[in-house]
């Protein structure tokens, strides 16, 4: 199994289920787009997206230290799929 677990800092929320993070395993100031695993929220412009994004931003505000994990490496639309937890 090729899983992963590493820390990062939240840079900004793209929408309610996609976040841009800065992991120390990447070159400095290089962001990584992360698709939250098993989270299905409205897309930008859809009803409820602003509320869903506000909840995500409240749970993990910009500057938060987070832990990204998954039991497999999977990319969807240039985003790494991962679970997001407080570091």
PDB file of N, CA and C in Angstrom:
ATOM      1  N   UNK A   1       0.839  -1.176   0.000  1.00  0.00           N
ATOM      2  CA  UNK A   1       0.000   0.000   0.000  1.00  0.00           C
ATOM      3  C   UNK A   1       0.890   1.247   0.000  1.00  0.00           C
ATOM      4  N   UNK A   2       0.545   2.227  -0.777  1.00  0.00           N
ATOM      5  CA  UNK A   2       1.355   3.442  -0.855  1.00  0.00           C
ATOM      6  C   UNK A   2       0.562   4.630  -0.314  1.00  0.00           C
ATOM      7  N   UNK A   3       0.463   4.722   0.988  1.00  0.00           N
ATOM      8  CA  UNK A   3      -0.237   5.828   1.612  1.00  0.00           C
ATOM      9  C   UNK A   3       0.731   6.938   1.977  1.00  0.00           C
ATOM     10  N   UNK A   4       0.217   7.972   2.636  1.00  0.00           N
ATOM     11  CA  UNK A   4       1.062   9.086   3.036  1.00  0.00           C
ATOM     12  C   UNK A   4       0.483   9.789   4.248  1.00  0.00           C
ATOM     13  N   UNK A   5       1.315  10.539   4.901  1.00  0.00           N
ATOM     14  CA  UNK A   5       0.931  11.382   6.022  1.00  0.00           C
ATOM     15  C   UNK A   5       1.996  12.463   6.153  1.00  0.00           C
ATOM     16  N   UNK A   6       1.577  13.726   6.045  1.00  0.00           N
ATOM     17  CA  UNK A   6       2.524  14.826   6.206  1.00  0.00           C
ATOM     18  C   UNK A   6       1.782  16.087   6.624  1.00  0.00           C
ATOM     19  N   UNK A   7       2.507  16.993   7.237  1.00  0.00           N
ATOM     20  CA  UNK A   7       1.942  18.245   7.701  1.00  0.00           C
ATOM     21  C   UNK A   7       1.990  19.327   6.643  1.00  0.00           C
ATOM     22  N   UNK A   8       1.179  20.362   6.856  1.00  0.00           N
ATOM     23  CA  UNK A   8       1.143  21.502   5.943  1.00  0.00           C
ATOM     24  C   UNK A   8       0.477  22.677   6.659  1.00  0.00           C
ATOM     25  N   UNK A   9       0.516  23.831   6.000  1.00  0.00           N
ATOM     26  CA  UNK A   9      -0.139  25.039   6.500  1.00  0.00           C
ATOM     27  C   UNK A   9      -1.188  25.472   5.488  1.00  0.00           C
ATOM     28  N   UNK A  10      -2.386  25.812   5.966  1.00  0.00           N
ATOM     29  CA  UNK A  10      -3.462  26.253   5.071  1.00  0.00           C
ATOM     30  C   UNK A  10      -3.112  27.627   4.500  1.00  0.00           C
ATOM     31  N   UNK A  11      -3.140  27.743   3.176  1.00  0.00           N
ATOM     32  CA  UNK A  11      -2.910  29.023   2.492  1.00  0.00           C
ATOM     33  C   UNK A  11      -4.248  29.707   2.206  1.00  0.00           C
ATOM     34  N   UNK A  12      -5.184  28.954   1.596  1.00  0.00           N
ATOM     35  CA  UNK A  12      -6.521  29.500   1.316  1.00  0.00           C
ATOM     36  C   UNK A  12      -7.439  28.372   0.884  1.00  0.00           C
ATOM     37  N   UNK A  13      -8.730  28.627   1.040  1.00  0.00           N
ATOM     38  CA  UNK A  13      -9.751  27.692   0.578  1.00  0.00           C
ATOM     39  C   UNK A  13     -10.158  28.066  -0.834  1.00  0.00           C
ATOM     40  N   UNK A  14     -10.163  27.102  -1.745  1.00  0.00           N
ATOM     41  CA  UNK A  14     -10.603  27.312  -3.121  1.00  0.00           C
ATOM     42  C   UNK A  14     -12.123  27.240  -3.161  1.00  0.00           C
ATOM     43  N   UNK A  15     -12.667  26.205  -2.584  1.00  0.00           N
ATOM     44  CA  UNK A  15     -14.096  26.059  -2.350  1.00  0.00           C
ATOM     45  C   UNK A  15     -14.242  25.203  -1.091  1.00  0.00           C
ATOM     46  N   UNK A  16     -15.415  24.710  -0.793  1.00  0.00           N
ATOM     47  CA  UNK A  16     -15.632  24.039   0.482  1.00  0.00           C
ATOM     48  C   UNK A  16     -14.985  22.658   0.593  1.00  0.00           C
ATOM     49  N   UNK A  17     -14.565  22.076  -0.527  1.00  0.00           N
ATOM     50  CA  UNK A  17     -13.902  20.775  -0.443  1.00  0.00           C
ATOM     51  C   UNK A  17     -12.533  20.742  -1.135  1.00  0.00           C
ATOM     52  N   UNK A  18     -11.990  21.909  -1.409  1.00  0.00           N
ATOM     53  CA  UNK A  18     -10.646  22.015  -1.986  1.00  0.00           C
ATOM     54  C   UNK A  18      -9.890  23.122  -1.263  1.00  0.00           C
ATOM     55  N   UNK A  19      -8.698  22.786  -0.782  1.00  0.00           N
ATOM     56  CA  UNK A  19      -7.894  23.739  -0.023  1.00  0.00           C
ATOM     57  C   UNK A  19      -6.486  23.788  -0.618  1.00  0.00           C
ATOM     58  N   UNK A  20      -5.885  24.963  -0.581  1.00  0.00           N
ATOM     59  CA  UNK A  20      -4.500  25.144  -1.018  1.00  0.00           C
ATOM     60  C   UNK A  20      -3.645  25.170   0.239  1.00  0.00           C
ATOM     61  N   UNK A  21      -2.637  24.305   0.293  1.00  0.00           N
ATOM     62  CA  UNK A  21      -1.770  24.221   1.468  1.00  0.00           C
ATOM     63  C   UNK A  21      -0.315  24.377   1.062  1.00  0.00           C
ATOM     64  N   UNK A  22       0.515  24.692   2.050  1.00  0.00           N
ATOM     65  CA  UNK A  22       1.957  24.819   1.850  1.00  0.00           C
ATOM     66  C   UNK A  22       2.633  23.729   2.676  1.00  0.00           C
ATOM     67  N   UNK A  23       3.005  22.608   2.044  1.00  0.00           N
ATOM     68  CA  UNK A  23       3.658  21.540   2.782  1.00  0.00           C
ATOM     69  C   UNK A  23       5.178  21.740   2.792  1.00  0.00           C
ATOM     70  N   UNK A  24       5.838  21.427   3.917  1.00  0.00           N
ATOM     71  CA  UNK A  24       7.292  21.599   3.964  1.00  0.00           C
ATOM     72  C   UNK A  24       8.041  20.616   3.068  1.00  0.00           C
ATOM     73  N   UNK A  25       7.333  19.607   2.528  1.00  0.00           N
ATOM     74  CA  UNK A  25       7.990  18.664   1.620  1.00  0.00           C
ATOM     75  C   UNK A  25       8.087  19.215   0.202  1.00  0.00           C
ATOM     76  N   UNK A  26       7.446  20.351  -0.053  1.00  0.00           N
ATOM     77  CA  UNK A  26       7.516  21.034  -1.346  1.00  0.00           C
ATOM     78  C   UNK A  26       8.526  22.174  -1.243  1.00  0.00           C
ATOM     79  N   UNK A  27       9.000  22.682  -2.378  1.00  0.00           N
ATOM     80  CA  UNK A  27       9.859  23.873  -2.327  1.00  0.00           C
ATOM     81  C   UNK A  27       9.121  25.026  -1.638  1.00  0.00           C
ATOM     82  N   UNK A  28       9.870  25.901  -1.031  1.00  0.00           N
ATOM     83  CA  UNK A  28       9.284  27.018  -0.291  1.00  0.00           C
ATOM     84  C   UNK A  28       8.324  27.822  -1.165  1.00  0.00           C
ATOM     85  N   UNK A  29       7.196  28.215  -0.583  1.00  0.00           N
ATOM     86  CA  UNK A  29       6.166  29.031  -1.236  1.00  0.00           C
ATOM     87  C   UNK A  29       5.544  28.348  -2.456  1.00  0.00           C
ATOM     88  N   UNK A  30       5.520  27.025  -2.454  1.00  0.00           N
ATOM     89  CA  UNK A  30       4.855  26.279  -3.516  1.00  0.00           C
ATOM     90  C   UNK A  30       3.626  25.610  -2.928  1.00  0.00           C
ATOM     91  N   UNK A  31       2.469  25.954  -3.426  1.00  0.00           N
ATOM     92  CA  UNK A  31       1.227  25.421  -2.887  1.00  0.00           C
ATOM     93  C   UNK A  31       0.848  24.086  -3.490  1.00  0.00           C
ATOM     94  N   UNK A  32       0.087  23.326  -2.719  1.00  0.00           N
ATOM     95  CA  UNK A  32      -0.443  22.034  -3.137  1.00  0.00           C
ATOM     96  C   UNK A  32      -1.956  22.097  -3.000  1.00  0.00           C
ATOM     97  N   UNK A  33      -2.660  21.794  -4.088  1.00  0.00           N
ATOM     98  CA  UNK A  33      -4.126  21.750  -4.042  1.00  0.00           C
ATOM     99  C   UNK A  33      -4.549  20.385  -3.519  1.00  0.00           C
ATOM    100  N   UNK A  34      -5.433  20.399  -2.517  1.00  0.00           N
ATOM    101  CA  UNK A  34      -5.887  19.167  -1.882  1.00  0.00           C
ATOM    102  C   UNK A  34      -7.400  19.056  -2.003  1.00  0.00           C
ATOM    103  N   UNK A  35      -7.847  17.922  -2.488  1.00  0.00           N
ATOM    104  CA  UNK A  35      -9.282  17.593  -2.567  1.00  0.00           C
ATOM    105  C   UNK A  35      -9.598  16.776  -1.328  1.00  0.00           C
ATOM    106  N   UNK A  36     -10.512  17.260  -0.479  1.00  0.00           N
ATOM    107  CA  UNK A  36     -10.829  16.557   0.752  1.00  0.00           C
ATOM    108  C   UNK A  36     -11.510  15.221   0.449  1.00  0.00           C
ATOM    109  N   UNK A  37     -10.941  14.165   1.026  1.00  0.00           N
ATOM    110  CA  UNK A  37     -11.440  12.812   0.782  1.00  0.00           C
ATOM    111  C   UNK A  37     -12.829  12.636   1.396  1.00  0.00           C
ATOM    112  N   UNK A  38     -13.731  12.071   0.598  1.00  0.00           N
ATOM    113  CA  UNK A  38     -15.095  11.750   1.030  1.00  0.00           C
ATOM    114  C   UNK A  38     -15.890  12.968   1.512  1.00  0.00           C
ATOM    115  N   UNK A  39     -15.571  14.138   1.012  1.00  0.00           N
ATOM    116  CA  UNK A  39     -16.322  15.355   1.325  1.00  0.00           C
ATOM    117  C   UNK A  39     -16.923  15.861   0.019  1.00  0.00           C
ATOM    118  N   UNK A  40     -18.233  16.027   0.012  1.00  0.00           N
ATOM    119  CA  UNK A  40     -18.931  16.471  -1.193  1.00  0.00           C
ATOM    120  C   UNK A  40     -19.735  17.716  -0.854  1.00  0.00           C
ATOM    121  N   UNK A  41     -19.212  18.872  -1.236  1.00  0.00           N
ATOM    122  CA  UNK A  41     -19.845  20.158  -0.954  1.00  0.00           C
ATOM    123  C   UNK A  41     -20.196  20.852  -2.271  1.00  0.00           C
ATOM    124  N   UNK A  42     -21.114  21.829  -2.231  1.00  0.00           N
ATOM    125  CA  UNK A  42     -21.478  22.559  -3.450  1.00  0.00           C
ATOM    126  C   UNK A  42     -20.261  23.249  -4.073  1.00  0.00           C
ATOM    127  N   UNK A  43     -20.268  23.313  -5.385  1.00  0.00           N
ATOM    128  CA  UNK A  43     -19.193  23.985  -6.115  1.00  0.00           C
ATOM    129  C   UNK A  43     -19.420  25.498  -6.093  1.00  0.00           C
ATOM    130  N   UNK A  44     -18.411  26.242  -6.481  1.00  0.00           N
ATOM    131  CA  UNK A  44     -18.501  27.699  -6.525  1.00  0.00           C
ATOM    132  C   UNK A  44     -19.689  28.095  -7.407  1.00  0.00           C
ATOM    133  N   UNK A  45     -20.530  28.976  -6.867  1.00  0.00           N
ATOM    134  CA  UNK A  45     -21.700  29.441  -7.592  1.00  0.00           C
ATOM    135  C   UNK A  45     -22.957  28.633  -7.332  1.00  0.00           C
ATOM    136  N   UNK A  46     -22.834  27.458  -6.718  1.00  0.00           N
ATOM    137  CA  UNK A  46     -24.002  26.642  -6.405  1.00  0.00           C
ATOM    138  C   UNK A  46     -24.600  27.068  -5.064  1.00  0.00           C
ATOM    139  N   UNK A  47     -25.878  26.782  -4.893  1.00  0.00           N
ATOM    140  CA  UNK A  47     -26.549  27.111  -3.632  1.00  0.00           C
ATOM    141  C   UNK A  47     -25.852  26.436  -2.462  1.00  0.00           C
ATOM    142  N   UNK A  48     -25.624  27.203  -1.407  1.00  0.00           N
ATOM    143  CA  UNK A  48     -25.028  26.660  -0.200  1.00  0.00           C
ATOM    144  C   UNK A  48     -23.518  26.653  -0.167  1.00  0.00           C
ATOM    145  N   UNK A  49     -22.879  27.013  -1.267  1.00  0.00           N
ATOM    146  CA  UNK A  49     -21.408  26.976  -1.301  1.00  0.00           C
ATOM    147  C   UNK A  49     -20.802  27.956  -0.320  1.00  0.00           C
ATOM    148  N   UNK A  50     -21.367  29.160  -0.221  1.00  0.00           N
ATOM    149  CA  UNK A  50     -20.790  30.159   0.675  1.00  0.00           C
ATOM    150  C   UNK A  50     -20.855  29.713   2.135  1.00  0.00           C
ATOM    151  N   UNK A  51     -21.942  29.068   2.544  1.00  0.00           N
ATOM    152  CA  UNK A  51     -22.072  28.559   3.903  1.00  0.00           C
ATOM    153  C   UNK A  51     -21.100  27.394   4.144  1.00  0.00           C
ATOM    154  N   UNK A  52     -21.004  26.490   3.182  1.00  0.00           N
ATOM    155  CA  UNK A  52     -20.098  25.347   3.315  1.00  0.00           C
ATOM    156  C   UNK A  52     -18.647  25.816   3.394  1.00  0.00           C
ATOM    157  N   UNK A  53     -18.271  26.802   2.585  1.00  0.00           N
ATOM    158  CA  UNK A  53     -16.902  27.322   2.626  1.00  0.00           C
ATOM    159  C   UNK A  53     -16.636  28.018   3.956  1.00  0.00           C
ATOM    160  N   UNK A  54     -17.610  28.771   4.460  1.00  0.00           N
ATOM    161  CA  UNK A  54     -17.448  29.444   5.757  1.00  0.00           C
ATOM    162  C   UNK A  54     -17.199  28.428   6.871  1.00  0.00           C
ATOM    163  N   UNK A  55     -17.898  27.307   6.838  1.00  0.00           N
ATOM    164  CA  UNK A  55     -17.688  26.253   7.833  1.00  0.00           C
ATOM    165  C   UNK A  55     -16.287  25.667   7.717  1.00  0.00           C
ATOM    166  N   UNK A  56     -15.833  25.427   6.496  1.00  0.00           N
ATOM    167  CA  UNK A  56     -14.490  24.879   6.278  1.00  0.00           C
ATOM    168  C   UNK A  56     -13.425  25.862   6.756  1.00  0.00           C
ATOM    169  N   UNK A  57     -13.615  27.139   6.424  1.00  0.00           N
ATOM    170  CA  UNK A  57     -12.653  28.176   6.847  1.00  0.00           C
ATOM    171  C   UNK A  57     -12.645  28.348   8.362  1.00  0.00           C
ATOM    172  N   UNK A  58     -13.801  28.160   9.010  1.00  0.00           N
ATOM    173  CA  UNK A  58     -13.861  28.269  10.473  1.00  0.00           C
ATOM    174  C   UNK A  58     -13.141  27.088  11.129  1.00  0.00           C
ATOM    175  N   UNK A  59     -13.277  25.912  10.541  1.00  0.00           N
ATOM    176  CA  UNK A  59     -12.632  24.718  11.094  1.00  0.00           C
ATOM    177  C   UNK A  59     -11.115  24.754  10.896  1.00  0.00           C
ATOM    178  N   UNK A  60     -10.680  25.237   9.739  1.00  0.00           N
ATOM    179  CA  UNK A  60      -9.255  25.302   9.393  1.00  0.00           C
ATOM    180  C   UNK A  60      -8.948  26.658   8.769  1.00  0.00           C
ATOM    181  N   UNK A  61      -8.789  27.703   9.581  1.00  0.00           N
ATOM    182  CA  UNK A  61      -8.532  29.038   9.021  1.00  0.00           C
ATOM    183  C   UNK A  61      -7.153  29.130   8.361  1.00  0.00           C
ATOM    184  N   UNK A  62      -6.995  30.145   7.538  1.00  0.00           N
ATOM    185  CA  UNK A  62      -5.696  30.412   6.909  1.00  0.00           C
ATOM    186  C   UNK A  62      -4.629  30.486   8.006  1.00  0.00           C
ATOM    187  N   UNK A  63      -3.516  29.806   7.763  1.00  0.00           N
ATOM    188  CA  UNK A  63      -2.431  29.755   8.738  1.00  0.00           C
ATOM    189  C   UNK A  63      -2.470  28.548   9.643  1.00  0.00           C
ATOM    190  N   UNK A  64      -3.561  27.792   9.608  1.00  0.00           N
ATOM    191  CA  UNK A  64      -3.679  26.596  10.442  1.00  0.00           C
ATOM    192  C   UNK A  64      -2.667  25.538  10.020  1.00  0.00           C
ATOM    193  N   UNK A  65      -2.153  24.831  11.009  1.00  0.00           N
ATOM    194  CA  UNK A  65      -1.296  23.671  10.752  1.00  0.00           C
ATOM    195  C   UNK A  65      -2.215  22.456  10.664  1.00  0.00           C
ATOM    196  N   UNK A  66      -2.054  21.676   9.600  1.00  0.00           N
ATOM    197  CA  UNK A  66      -2.918  20.521   9.361  1.00  0.00           C
ATOM    198  C   UNK A  66      -2.079  19.288   9.051  1.00  0.00           C
ATOM    199  N   UNK A  67      -2.729  18.140   9.173  1.00  0.00           N
ATOM    200  CA  UNK A  67      -2.112  16.872   8.816  1.00  0.00           C
ATOM    201  C   UNK A  67      -2.899  16.288   7.654  1.00  0.00           C
ATOM    202  N   UNK A  68      -2.213  15.952   6.578  1.00  0.00           N
ATOM    203  CA  UNK A  68      -2.830  15.349   5.398  1.00  0.00           C
ATOM    204  C   UNK A  68      -2.504  13.864   5.398  1.00  0.00           C
ATOM    205  N   UNK A  69      -3.533  13.018   5.235  1.00  0.00           N
ATOM    206  CA  UNK A  69      -3.318  11.574   5.220  1.00  0.00           C
ATOM    207  C   UNK A  69      -4.219  10.910   4.190  1.00  0.00           C
ATOM    208  N   UNK A  70      -3.780   9.764   3.735  1.00  0.00           N
ATOM    209  CA  UNK A  70      -4.592   8.905   2.884  1.00  0.00           C
ATOM    210  C   UNK A  70      -3.897   7.557   2.809  1.00  0.00           C
ATOM    211  N   UNK A  71      -4.663   6.505   2.566  1.00  0.00           N
ATOM    212  CA  UNK A  71      -4.087   5.164   2.438  1.00  0.00           C
ATOM    213  C   UNK A  71      -3.587   4.886   1.026  1.00  0.00           C
ATOM    214  N   UNK A  72      -3.822   5.835   0.124  1.00  0.00           N
ATOM    215  CA  UNK A  72      -3.359   5.698  -1.259  1.00  0.00           C
ATOM    216  C   UNK A  72      -3.046   7.082  -1.809  1.00  0.00           C
ATOM    217  N   UNK A  73      -2.277   7.112  -2.856  1.00  0.00           N
ATOM    218  CA  UNK A  73      -1.998   8.368  -3.552  1.00  0.00           C
ATOM    219  C   UNK A  73      -2.953   8.442  -4.733  1.00  0.00           C
ATOM    220  N   UNK A  74      -3.813   9.455  -4.713  1.00  0.00           N
ATOM    221  CA  UNK A  74      -4.798   9.627  -5.783  1.00  0.00           C
ATOM    222  C   UNK A  74      -4.906  11.100  -6.122  1.00  0.00           C
ATOM    223  N   UNK A  75      -4.813  11.397  -7.420  1.00  0.00           N
ATOM    224  CA  UNK A  75      -4.931  12.770  -7.907  1.00  0.00           C
ATOM    225  C   UNK A  75      -6.222  12.899  -8.696  1.00  0.00           C
ATOM    226  N   UNK A  76      -7.009  13.954  -8.429  1.00  0.00           N
ATOM    227  CA  UNK A  76      -8.212  14.244  -9.196  1.00  0.00           C
ATOM    228  C   UNK A  76      -8.172  15.712  -9.610  1.00  0.00           C
ATOM    229  N   UNK A  77      -8.197  15.952 -10.896  1.00  0.00           N
ATOM    230  CA  UNK A  77      -8.164  17.315 -11.430  1.00  0.00           C
ATOM    231  C   UNK A  77      -7.009  18.115 -10.826  1.00  0.00           C
ATOM    232  N   UNK A  78      -5.834  17.547 -10.832  1.00  0.00           N
ATOM    233  CA  UNK A  78      -4.596  18.194 -10.347  1.00  0.00           C
ATOM    234  C   UNK A  78      -4.637  18.500  -8.854  1.00  0.00           C
ATOM    235  N   UNK A  79      -5.442  17.729  -8.110  1.00  0.00           N
ATOM    236  CA  UNK A  79      -5.526  17.889  -6.656  1.00  0.00           C
ATOM    237  C   UNK A  79      -5.211  16.546  -6.009  1.00  0.00           C
ATOM    238  N   UNK A  80      -4.460  16.577  -4.936  1.00  0.00           N
ATOM    239  CA  UNK A  80      -4.180  15.373  -4.173  1.00  0.00           C
ATOM    240  C   UNK A  80      -5.366  15.103  -3.249  1.00  0.00           C
ATOM    241  N   UNK A  81      -5.898  13.893  -3.281  1.00  0.00           N
ATOM    242  CA  UNK A  81      -7.007  13.535  -2.411  1.00  0.00           C
ATOM    243  C   UNK A  81      -6.449  13.164  -1.034  1.00  0.00           C
ATOM    244  N   UNK A  82      -6.990  13.786   0.028  1.00  0.00           N
ATOM    245  CA  UNK A  82      -6.489  13.513   1.368  1.00  0.00           C
ATOM    246  C   UNK A  82      -7.508  13.882   2.428  1.00  0.00           C
ATOM    247  N   UNK A  83      -7.361  13.233   3.589  1.00  0.00           N
ATOM    248  CA  UNK A  83      -8.108  13.631   4.786  1.00  0.00           C
ATOM    249  C   UNK A  83      -7.351  14.811   5.409  1.00  0.00           C
ATOM    250  N   UNK A  84      -8.085  15.728   5.983  1.00  0.00           N
ATOM    251  CA  UNK A  84      -7.505  16.922   6.596  1.00  0.00           C
ATOM    252  C   UNK A  84      -7.859  16.926   8.077  1.00  0.00           C
ATOM    253  N   UNK A  85      -6.829  16.933   8.919  1.00  0.00           N
ATOM    254  CA  UNK A  85      -7.014  16.935  10.374  1.00  0.00           C
ATOM    255  C   UNK A  85      -6.131  18.002  10.993  1.00  0.00           C
ATOM    256  N   UNK A  86      -6.486  18.460  12.199  1.00  0.00           N
ATOM    257  CA  UNK A  86      -5.597  19.422  12.885  1.00  0.00           C
ATOM    258  C   UNK A  86      -4.253  18.762  13.171  1.00  0.00           C
ATOM    259  N   UNK A  87      -3.192  19.527  13.059  1.00  0.00           N
ATOM    260  CA  UNK A  87      -1.845  18.985  13.334  1.00  0.00           C
ATOM    261  C   UNK A  87      -1.564  19.035  14.815  1.00  0.00           C
TER     262      UNK A  87
END
